[in-house]
PDB file of N, CA and C in Angstrom:
ATOM      1  N   MET A   1     -26.873  92.452  -0.850  1.00  0.00           N
ATOM      2  CA  MET A   1     -25.565  92.991  -0.560  1.00  0.00           C
ATOM      3  C   MET A   1     -25.548  94.506  -0.803  1.00  0.00           C
ATOM      4  N   GLY A   2     -26.100  94.945  -1.910  1.00  0.00           N
ATOM      5  CA  GLY A   2     -26.114  96.373  -2.209  1.00  0.00           C
ATOM      6  C   GLY A   2     -26.939  97.162  -1.215  1.00  0.00           C
ATOM      7  N   ALA A   3     -28.068  96.586  -0.772  1.00  0.00           N
ATOM      8  CA  ALA A   3     -28.918  97.263   0.212  1.00  0.00           C
ATOM      9  C   ALA A   3     -28.177  97.420   1.538  1.00  0.00           C
ATOM     10  N   ASN A   4     -27.474  96.387   1.967  1.00  0.00           N
ATOM     11  CA  ASN A   4     -26.682  96.473   3.204  1.00  0.00           C
ATOM     12  C   ASN A   4     -25.593  97.532   3.081  1.00  0.00           C
ATOM     13  N   LEU A   5     -24.975  97.601   1.911  1.00  0.00           N
ATOM     14  CA  LEU A   5     -23.927  98.595   1.685  1.00  0.00           C
ATOM     15  C   LEU A   5     -24.496 100.006   1.778  1.00  0.00           C
ATOM     16  N   ALA A   6     -25.700 100.215   1.265  1.00  0.00           N
ATOM     17  CA  ALA A   6     -26.331 101.538   1.320  1.00  0.00           C
ATOM     18  C   ALA A   6     -26.627 101.949   2.755  1.00  0.00           C
ATOM     19  N   ILE A   7     -26.988 100.982   3.581  1.00  0.00           N
ATOM     20  CA  ILE A   7     -27.283 101.273   4.980  1.00  0.00           C
ATOM     21  C   ILE A   7     -25.997 101.561   5.757  1.00  0.00           C
ATOM     22  N   GLU A   8     -24.972 100.753   5.527  1.00  0.00           N
ATOM     23  CA  GLU A   8     -23.716 100.897   6.263  1.00  0.00           C
ATOM     24  C   GLU A   8     -22.860 102.067   5.799  1.00  0.00           C
ATOM     25  N   HIS A   9     -22.929 102.379   4.491  1.00  0.00           N
ATOM     26  CA  HIS A   9     -22.076 103.428   3.919  1.00  0.00           C
ATOM     27  C   HIS A   9     -22.889 104.338   2.999  1.00  0.00           C
ATOM     28  N   PRO A  10     -23.753 105.178   3.554  1.00  0.00           N
ATOM     29  CA  PRO A  10     -24.537 106.080   2.695  1.00  0.00           C
ATOM     30  C   PRO A  10     -23.632 107.156   2.089  1.00  0.00           C
ATOM     31  N   VAL A  11     -23.980 107.584   0.891  1.00  0.00           N
ATOM     32  CA  VAL A  11     -23.231 108.647   0.219  1.00  0.00           C
ATOM     33  C   VAL A  11     -24.206 109.671  -0.354  1.00  0.00           C
ATOM     34  N   ASP A  12     -23.721 110.877  -0.546  1.00  0.00           N
ATOM     35  CA  ASP A  12     -24.509 111.923  -1.178  1.00  0.00           C
ATOM     36  C   ASP A  12     -24.216 111.857  -2.681  1.00  0.00           C
ATOM     37  N   ALA A  13     -25.098 111.203  -3.414  1.00  0.00           N
ATOM     38  CA  ALA A  13     -24.879 111.012  -4.850  1.00  0.00           C
ATOM     39  C   ALA A  13     -26.173 111.275  -5.612  1.00  0.00           C
ATOM     40  N   ASP A  14     -26.042 111.577  -6.892  1.00  0.00           N
ATOM     41  CA  ASP A  14     -27.211 111.813  -7.735  1.00  0.00           C
ATOM     42  C   ASP A  14     -27.786 110.511  -8.283  1.00  0.00           C
ATOM     43  N   SER A  15     -26.923 109.532  -8.544  1.00  0.00           N
ATOM     44  CA  SER A  15     -27.364 108.255  -9.091  1.00  0.00           C
ATOM     45  C   SER A  15     -26.361 107.169  -8.710  1.00  0.00           C
ATOM     46  N   VAL A  16     -26.723 105.922  -9.018  1.00  0.00           N
ATOM     47  CA  VAL A  16     -25.881 104.762  -8.708  1.00  0.00           C
ATOM     48  C   VAL A  16     -25.630 103.996  -9.989  1.00  0.00           C
ATOM     49  N   MET A  17     -24.402 103.518 -10.148  1.00  0.00           N
ATOM     50  CA  MET A  17     -24.063 102.726 -11.323  1.00  0.00           C
ATOM     51  C   MET A  17     -23.134 101.597 -10.899  1.00  0.00           C
ATOM     52  N   GLY A  18     -23.412 100.381 -11.358  1.00  0.00           N
ATOM     53  CA  GLY A  18     -22.579  99.233 -11.040  1.00  0.00           C
ATOM     54  C   GLY A  18     -21.447  99.075 -12.030  1.00  0.00           C
ATOM     55  N   THR A  19     -20.222  99.051 -11.543  1.00  0.00           N
ATOM     56  CA  THR A  19     -19.060  98.890 -12.406  1.00  0.00           C
ATOM     57  C   THR A  19     -18.083  97.952 -11.727  1.00  0.00           C
ATOM     58  N   PRO A  20     -17.628  96.893 -12.334  1.00  0.00           N
ATOM     59  CA  PRO A  20     -17.922  96.375 -13.674  1.00  0.00           C
ATOM     60  C   PRO A  20     -19.306  95.715 -13.732  1.00  0.00           C
ATOM     61  N   ASP A  21     -19.575  95.018 -14.837  1.00  0.00           N
ATOM     62  CA  ASP A  21     -20.888  94.396 -15.039  1.00  0.00           C
ATOM     63  C   ASP A  21     -21.284  93.481 -13.887  1.00  0.00           C
ATOM     64  N   THR A  22     -20.326  92.867 -13.232  1.00  0.00           N
ATOM     65  CA  THR A  22     -20.639  91.943 -12.146  1.00  0.00           C
ATOM     66  C   THR A  22     -21.191  92.670 -10.926  1.00  0.00           C
ATOM     67  N   ALA A  23     -21.088  93.990 -10.877  1.00  0.00           N
ATOM     68  CA  ALA A  23     -21.605  94.763  -9.755  1.00  0.00           C
ATOM     69  C   ALA A  23     -23.003  95.310 -10.013  1.00  0.00           C
ATOM     70  N   THR A  24     -23.620  94.927 -11.120  1.00  0.00           N
ATOM     71  CA  THR A  24     -24.945  95.443 -11.459  1.00  0.00           C
ATOM     72  C   THR A  24     -25.976  95.115 -10.387  1.00  0.00           C
ATOM     73  N   ALA A  25     -26.021  93.880  -9.935  1.00  0.00           N
ATOM     74  CA  ALA A  25     -27.010  93.486  -8.930  1.00  0.00           C
ATOM     75  C   ALA A  25     -26.817  94.275  -7.637  1.00  0.00           C
ATOM     76  N   ALA A  26     -25.590  94.439  -7.192  1.00  0.00           N
ATOM     77  CA  ALA A  26     -25.316  95.206  -5.981  1.00  0.00           C
ATOM     78  C   ALA A  26     -25.669  96.680  -6.188  1.00  0.00           C
ATOM     79  N   GLY A  27     -25.405  97.200  -7.369  1.00  0.00           N
ATOM     80  CA  GLY A  27     -25.735  98.593  -7.667  1.00  0.00           C
ATOM     81  C   GLY A  27     -27.233  98.841  -7.641  1.00  0.00           C
ATOM     82  N   ILE A  28     -27.998  97.910  -8.182  1.00  0.00           N
ATOM     83  CA  ILE A  28     -29.459  98.047  -8.176  1.00  0.00           C
ATOM     84  C   ILE A  28     -29.981  97.987  -6.739  1.00  0.00           C
ATOM     85  N   GLY A  29     -29.452  97.056  -5.944  1.00  0.00           N
ATOM     86  CA  GLY A  29     -29.851  96.966  -4.547  1.00  0.00           C
ATOM     87  C   GLY A  29     -29.512  98.220  -3.772  1.00  0.00           C
ATOM     88  N   TYR A  30     -28.335  98.770  -4.019  1.00  0.00           N
ATOM     89  CA  TYR A  30     -27.916 100.008  -3.353  1.00  0.00           C
ATOM     90  C   TYR A  30     -28.855 101.143  -3.748  1.00  0.00           C
ATOM     91  N   ALA A  31     -29.136 101.251  -5.035  1.00  0.00           N
ATOM     92  CA  ALA A  31     -30.006 102.324  -5.523  1.00  0.00           C
ATOM     93  C   ALA A  31     -31.396 102.243  -4.909  1.00  0.00           C
ATOM     94  N   GLN A  32     -31.953 101.048  -4.819  1.00  0.00           N
ATOM     95  CA  GLN A  32     -33.283 100.891  -4.235  1.00  0.00           C
ATOM     96  C   GLN A  32     -33.281 101.255  -2.755  1.00  0.00           C
ATOM     97  N   ALA A  33     -32.287 100.786  -2.010  1.00  0.00           N
ATOM     98  CA  ALA A  33     -32.227 101.071  -0.574  1.00  0.00           C
ATOM     99  C   ALA A  33     -31.947 102.543  -0.297  1.00  0.00           C
ATOM    100  N   ALA A  34     -31.174 103.188  -1.162  1.00  0.00           N
ATOM    101  CA  ALA A  34     -30.815 104.588  -0.977  1.00  0.00           C
ATOM    102  C   ALA A  34     -31.808 105.536  -1.644  1.00  0.00           C
ATOM    103  N   ASN A  35     -32.812 104.980  -2.317  1.00  0.00           N
ATOM    104  CA  ASN A  35     -33.816 105.767  -3.040  1.00  0.00           C
ATOM    105  C   ASN A  35     -33.159 106.697  -4.061  1.00  0.00           C
ATOM    106  N   LYS A  36     -32.219 106.131  -4.814  1.00  0.00           N
ATOM    107  CA  LYS A  36     -31.502 106.858  -5.868  1.00  0.00           C
ATOM    108  C   LYS A  36     -31.764 106.157  -7.202  1.00  0.00           C
ATOM    109  N   PRO A  37     -31.732 106.881  -8.303  1.00  0.00           N
ATOM    110  CA  PRO A  37     -31.908 106.219  -9.603  1.00  0.00           C
ATOM    111  C   PRO A  37     -30.677 105.391  -9.970  1.00  0.00           C
ATOM    112  N   TYR A  38     -30.910 104.247 -10.602  1.00  0.00           N
ATOM    113  CA  TYR A  38     -29.818 103.407 -11.104  1.00  0.00           C
ATOM    114  C   TYR A  38     -29.656 103.700 -12.585  1.00  0.00           C
ATOM    115  N   CYS A  39     -28.429 103.825 -13.050  1.00  0.00           N
ATOM    116  CA  CYS A  39     -28.196 104.070 -14.476  1.00  0.00           C
ATOM    117  C   CYS A  39     -27.009 103.246 -14.957  1.00  0.00           C
ATOM    118  N   GLU A  40     -26.975 103.019 -16.242  1.00  0.00           N
ATOM    119  CA  GLU A  40     -25.850 102.341 -16.891  1.00  0.00           C
ATOM    120  C   GLU A  40     -24.938 103.424 -17.441  1.00  0.00           C
ATOM    121  N   GLY A  41     -23.813 103.663 -16.800  1.00  0.00           N
ATOM    122  CA  GLY A  41     -22.917 104.727 -17.233  1.00  0.00           C
ATOM    123  C   GLY A  41     -21.746 104.233 -18.053  1.00  0.00           C
ATOM    124  N   LEU A  42     -21.259 103.050 -17.729  1.00  0.00           N
ATOM    125  CA  LEU A  42     -20.145 102.452 -18.466  1.00  0.00           C
ATOM    126  C   LEU A  42     -20.615 101.120 -19.015  1.00  0.00           C
ATOM    127  N   VAL A  43     -20.429 100.917 -20.312  1.00  0.00           N
ATOM    128  CA  VAL A  43     -20.862  99.681 -20.945  1.00  0.00           C
ATOM    129  C   VAL A  43     -19.655  99.021 -21.594  1.00  0.00           C
ATOM    130  N   LYS A  44     -19.434  97.770 -21.253  1.00  0.00           N
ATOM    131  CA  LYS A  44     -18.304  97.019 -21.793  1.00  0.00           C
ATOM    132  C   LYS A  44     -18.557  96.683 -23.262  1.00  0.00           C
ATOM    133  N   ASN A  45     -17.560  96.893 -24.102  1.00  0.00           N
ATOM    134  CA  ASN A  45     -17.657  96.516 -25.506  1.00  0.00           C
ATOM    135  C   ASN A  45     -17.345  95.027 -25.611  1.00  0.00           C
ATOM    136  N   ARG A  46     -18.350  94.222 -25.827  1.00  0.00           N
ATOM    137  CA  ARG A  46     -18.183  92.767 -25.886  1.00  0.00           C
ATOM    138  C   ARG A  46     -17.633  92.279 -27.226  1.00  0.00           C
ATOM    139  N   TYR A  47     -17.448  93.185 -28.155  1.00  0.00           N
ATOM    140  CA  TYR A  47     -16.975  92.787 -29.477  1.00  0.00           C
ATOM    141  C   TYR A  47     -15.477  92.975 -29.656  1.00  0.00           C
ATOM    142  N   VAL A  48     -14.799  93.457 -28.638  1.00  0.00           N
ATOM    143  CA  VAL A  48     -13.352  93.627 -28.698  1.00  0.00           C
ATOM    144  C   VAL A  48     -12.708  92.319 -28.255  1.00  0.00           C
ATOM    145  N   GLY A  49     -11.723  91.871 -28.992  1.00  0.00           N
ATOM    146  CA  GLY A  49     -11.044  90.623 -28.653  1.00  0.00           C
ATOM    147  C   GLY A  49     -10.215  90.757 -27.387  1.00  0.00           C
ATOM    148  N   ARG A  50      -9.935  89.630 -26.769  1.00  0.00           N
ATOM    149  CA  ARG A  50      -9.098  89.632 -25.573  1.00  0.00           C
ATOM    150  C   ARG A  50      -7.656  89.942 -25.971  1.00  0.00           C
ATOM    151  N   THR A  51      -6.960  90.649 -25.098  1.00  0.00           N
ATOM    152  CA  THR A  51      -5.567  90.987 -25.392  1.00  0.00           C
ATOM    153  C   THR A  51      -4.585  90.186 -24.547  1.00  0.00           C
ATOM    154  N   LEU A  52      -5.052  89.564 -23.476  1.00  0.00           N
ATOM    155  CA  LEU A  52      -4.135  88.876 -22.576  1.00  0.00           C
ATOM    156  C   LEU A  52      -3.676  87.524 -23.129  1.00  0.00           C
ATOM    157  N   PHE A  53      -4.608  86.744 -23.655  1.00  0.00           N
ATOM    158  CA  PHE A  53      -4.262  85.398 -24.113  1.00  0.00           C
ATOM    159  C   PHE A  53      -4.209  85.355 -25.627  1.00  0.00           C
ATOM    160  N   ARG A  54      -3.020  85.346 -26.160  1.00  0.00           N
ATOM    161  CA  ARG A  54      -2.784  85.283 -27.601  1.00  0.00           C
ATOM    162  C   ARG A  54      -1.875  84.094 -27.886  1.00  0.00           C
ATOM    163  N   PRO A  55      -1.862  83.615 -29.139  1.00  0.00           N
ATOM    164  CA  PRO A  55      -1.054  82.444 -29.473  1.00  0.00           C
ATOM    165  C   PRO A  55       0.448  82.631 -29.244  1.00  0.00           C
ATOM    166  N   THR A  56       0.937  83.851 -29.432  1.00  0.00           N
ATOM    167  CA  THR A  56       2.367  84.100 -29.237  1.00  0.00           C
ATOM    168  C   THR A  56       2.558  85.342 -28.380  1.00  0.00           C
ATOM    169  N   SER A  57       3.714  85.449 -27.774  1.00  0.00           N
ATOM    170  CA  SER A  57       3.985  86.625 -26.947  1.00  0.00           C
ATOM    171  C   SER A  57       4.095  87.890 -27.797  1.00  0.00           C
ATOM    172  N   VAL A  58       4.489  87.742 -29.056  1.00  0.00           N
ATOM    173  CA  VAL A  58       4.600  88.905 -29.951  1.00  0.00           C
ATOM    174  C   VAL A  58       3.210  89.487 -30.189  1.00  0.00           C
ATOM    175  N   SER A  59       2.212  88.632 -30.425  1.00  0.00           N
ATOM    176  CA  SER A  59       0.874  89.159 -30.658  1.00  0.00           C
ATOM    177  C   SER A  59       0.269  89.738 -29.383  1.00  0.00           C
ATOM    178  N   GLU A  60       0.643  89.213 -28.210  1.00  0.00           N
ATOM    179  CA  GLU A  60       0.181  89.791 -26.949  1.00  0.00           C
ATOM    180  C   GLU A  60       0.727  91.199 -26.783  1.00  0.00           C
ATOM    181  N   THR A  61       2.012  91.368 -27.071  1.00  0.00           N
ATOM    182  CA  THR A  61       2.654  92.665 -26.938  1.00  0.00           C
ATOM    183  C   THR A  61       2.069  93.671 -27.923  1.00  0.00           C
ATOM    184  N   SER A  62       1.855  93.275 -29.155  1.00  0.00           N
ATOM    185  CA  SER A  62       1.326  94.199 -30.152  1.00  0.00           C
ATOM    186  C   SER A  62      -0.124  94.552 -29.874  1.00  0.00           C
ATOM    187  N   ALA A  63      -0.891  93.651 -29.259  1.00  0.00           N
ATOM    188  CA  ALA A  63      -2.283  93.934 -28.958  1.00  0.00           C
ATOM    189  C   ALA A  63      -2.438  94.953 -27.844  1.00  0.00           C
ATOM    190  N   CYS A  64      -1.446  95.042 -26.974  1.00  0.00           N
ATOM    191  CA  CYS A  64      -1.530  95.960 -25.826  1.00  0.00           C
ATOM    192  C   CYS A  64      -0.898  97.305 -26.084  1.00  0.00           C
ATOM    193  N   SER A  65      -0.257  97.472 -27.208  1.00  0.00           N
ATOM    194  CA  SER A  65       0.414  98.752 -27.453  1.00  0.00           C
ATOM    195  C   SER A  65      -0.379  99.640 -28.385  1.00  0.00           C
TER     196      SER A  65
END
C-alpha cells in the first residue's frame, strides 16, 4: 500500500514517518519505493492510562482537563 502511494502521490520530502503506529508498514513501503529514509518521529507513550473509558463521568472529565 505504501509503495503504491509513493508512485501515485510523490512528494519532495527528506524522510518518511508513519503516524499513528498503525501506519508504520505503509510508511516503510512508501520510504522504500520513494528511496527516502524511514524514521520514527512520534512515539506513543504506552504507559499513559486511557482517558475515554473511566468508571464514572466525573473521572472522565477530570482526566481530560
